[in-house]
C-alpha atoms as a PDB file:
ATOM      1  CA  MET A   1      35.821 -17.583  41.170  1.00  0.00           C
ATOM      2  CA  ILE A   2      36.107 -15.703  44.578  1.00  0.00           C
ATOM      3  CA  ILE A   3      33.109 -18.518  45.470  1.00  0.00           C
ATOM      4  CA  LYS A   4      35.119 -21.523  43.651  1.00  0.00           C
ATOM      5  CA  ALA A   5      38.763 -20.197  45.266  1.00  0.00           C
ATOM      6  CA  MET A   6      37.024 -20.327  49.030  1.00  0.00           C
ATOM      7  CA  HIS A   7      35.020 -23.661  48.082  1.00  0.00           C
ATOM      8  CA  GLU A   8      38.590 -24.764  46.918  1.00  0.00           C
ATOM      9  CA  LYS A   9      39.839 -23.704  50.495  1.00  0.00           C
ATOM     10  CA  GLY A  10      37.410 -25.522  52.051  1.00  0.00           C
ATOM     11  CA  VAL A  11      34.610 -23.011  53.097  1.00  0.00           C
ATOM     12  CA  ARG A  12      31.172 -24.272  52.929  1.00  0.00           C
ATOM     13  CA  SER A  13      27.737 -22.660  53.012  1.00  0.00           C
ATOM     14  CA  GLU A  14      26.978 -24.067  56.347  1.00  0.00           C
ATOM     15  CA  HIS A  15      30.656 -22.188  57.546  1.00  0.00           C
ATOM     16  CA  ALA A  16      28.927 -18.872  56.451  1.00  0.00           C
ATOM     17  CA  TYR A  17      25.108 -19.712  57.684  1.00  0.00           C
ATOM     18  CA  THR A  18      27.001 -20.069  60.913  1.00  0.00           C
ATOM     19  CA  ALA A  19      29.115 -17.023  60.741  1.00  0.00           C
ATOM     20  CA  ALA A  20      25.756 -15.218  59.558  1.00  0.00           C
ATOM     21  CA  PHE A  21      23.861 -16.754  63.265  1.00  0.00           C
ATOM     22  CA  VAL A  22      27.253 -15.657  65.120  1.00  0.00           C
ATOM     23  CA  SER A  23      27.499 -12.324  64.293  1.00  0.00           C
ATOM     24  CA  ILE A  24      23.819 -11.612  64.794  1.00  0.00           C
ATOM     25  CA  GLY A  25      23.955 -13.103  68.521  1.00  0.00           C
ATOM     26  CA  MET A  26      27.442 -11.314  68.982  1.00  0.00           C
ATOM     27  CA  SER A  27      25.419  -8.136  68.087  1.00  0.00           C
ATOM     28  CA  VAL A  28      22.626  -8.551  70.713  1.00  0.00           C
ATOM     29  CA  LEU A  29      25.134  -9.199  73.077  1.00  0.00           C
ATOM     30  CA  ALA A  30      27.088  -5.976  72.014  1.00  0.00           C
ATOM     31  CA  TRP A  31      23.855  -3.794  71.940  1.00  0.00           C
ATOM     32  CA  ALA A  32      22.610  -5.627  75.507  1.00  0.00           C
ATOM     33  CA  GLY A  33      26.452  -4.761  77.132  1.00  0.00           C
ATOM     34  CA  SER A  34      26.328  -0.913  75.844  1.00  0.00           C
ATOM     35  CA  MET A  35      22.873  -0.355  78.096  1.00  0.00           C
ATOM     36  CA  SER A  36      25.396   0.222  81.065  1.00  0.00           C
ATOM     37  CA  LYS A  37      27.989   2.037  78.935  1.00  0.00           C
ATOM     38  CA  GLU A  38      25.231   4.359  78.064  1.00  0.00           C
ATOM     39  CA  HIS A  39      23.964   5.036  81.728  1.00  0.00           C
ATOM     40  CA  ALA A  40      28.028   5.772  81.952  1.00  0.00           C
ATOM     41  CA  GLY A  41      27.690   8.937  79.343  1.00  0.00           C
ATOM     42  CA  VAL A  42      29.788   7.122  76.868  1.00  0.00           C
ATOM     43  CA  ALA A  43      27.826   7.876  73.600  1.00  0.00           C
ATOM     44  CA  ARG A  44      26.549   6.087  70.723  1.00  0.00           C
ATOM     45  CA  ALA A  45      28.462   2.727  73.059  1.00  0.00           C
ATOM     46  CA  ASP A  46      26.047   0.257  70.736  1.00  0.00           C
ATOM     47  CA  ARG A  47      27.669   0.866  67.642  1.00  0.00           C
ATOM     48  CA  TRP A  48      30.022  -1.815  68.097  1.00  0.00           C
ATOM     49  CA  GLY A  49      26.623  -3.653  68.118  1.00  0.00           C
ATOM     50  CA  ILE A  50      25.199  -2.171  64.682  1.00  0.00           C
ATOM     51  CA  PHE A  51      28.294  -2.906  63.137  1.00  0.00           C
ATOM     52  CA  VAL A  52      28.687  -6.361  64.091  1.00  0.00           C
ATOM     53  CA  GLY A  53      25.020  -6.669  62.983  1.00  0.00           C
ATOM     54  CA  GLU A  54      25.469  -5.629  59.432  1.00  0.00           C
ATOM     55  CA  TRP A  55      27.885  -8.635  58.808  1.00  0.00           C
ATOM     56  CA  ALA A  56      24.819 -10.798  58.760  1.00  0.00           C
ATOM     57  CA  PRO A  57      23.695 -10.414  55.541  1.00  0.00           C
ATOM     58  CA  THR A  58      27.291 -10.752  54.099  1.00  0.00           C
ATOM     59  CA  PHE A  59      27.594 -14.314  55.559  1.00  0.00           C
ATOM     60  CA  PHE A  60      24.404 -15.121  54.046  1.00  0.00           C
ATOM     61  CA  GLY A  61      25.009 -13.867  51.022  1.00  0.00           C
ATOM     62  CA  LEU A  62      27.946 -15.789  50.204  1.00  0.00           C
ATOM     63  CA  GLY A  63      25.889 -18.877  52.353  1.00  0.00           C
ATOM     64  CA  LEU A  64      23.578 -18.851  49.101  1.00  0.00           C
ATOM     65  CA  ALA A  65      26.631 -18.171  46.681  1.00  0.00           C
ATOM     66  CA  LEU A  66      28.599 -21.239  47.642  1.00  0.00           C
ATOM     67  CA  SER A  67      25.088 -23.500  48.424  1.00  0.00           C
ATOM     68  CA  HIS A  68      24.778 -22.677  44.738  1.00  0.00           C
ATOM     69  CA  TYR A  69      28.402 -23.633  44.175  1.00  0.00           C
ATOM     70  CA  GLU A  70      28.076 -26.781  45.973  1.00  0.00           C
ATOM     71  CA  MET A  71      24.866 -27.505  44.003  1.00  0.00           C
ATOM     72  CA  GLN A  72      26.154 -26.807  40.641  1.00  0.00           C
ATOM     73  CA  GLU A  73      29.204 -29.276  41.484  1.00  0.00           C
ATOM     74  CA  LYS A  74      26.693 -32.202  42.439  1.00  0.00           C
ATOM     75  CA  SER A  75      25.547 -31.631  39.106  1.00  0.00           C
END
């Protein structure tokens, strides 16, 4: 039901896959940027990177679900 609604609004599997790869990149950038804050005494500055990194599996799952829906729609 959610996948059908997303598809009807124009969200495609490629969009979800792109969002997953972008979230991985953002996670790496946040982690790299947090290294300077760690030395400045800010404890656990890399938590944002970990949080953003956890988005990727969700986006990959949505991408797979949308891909299956798109294949069923073509049949």
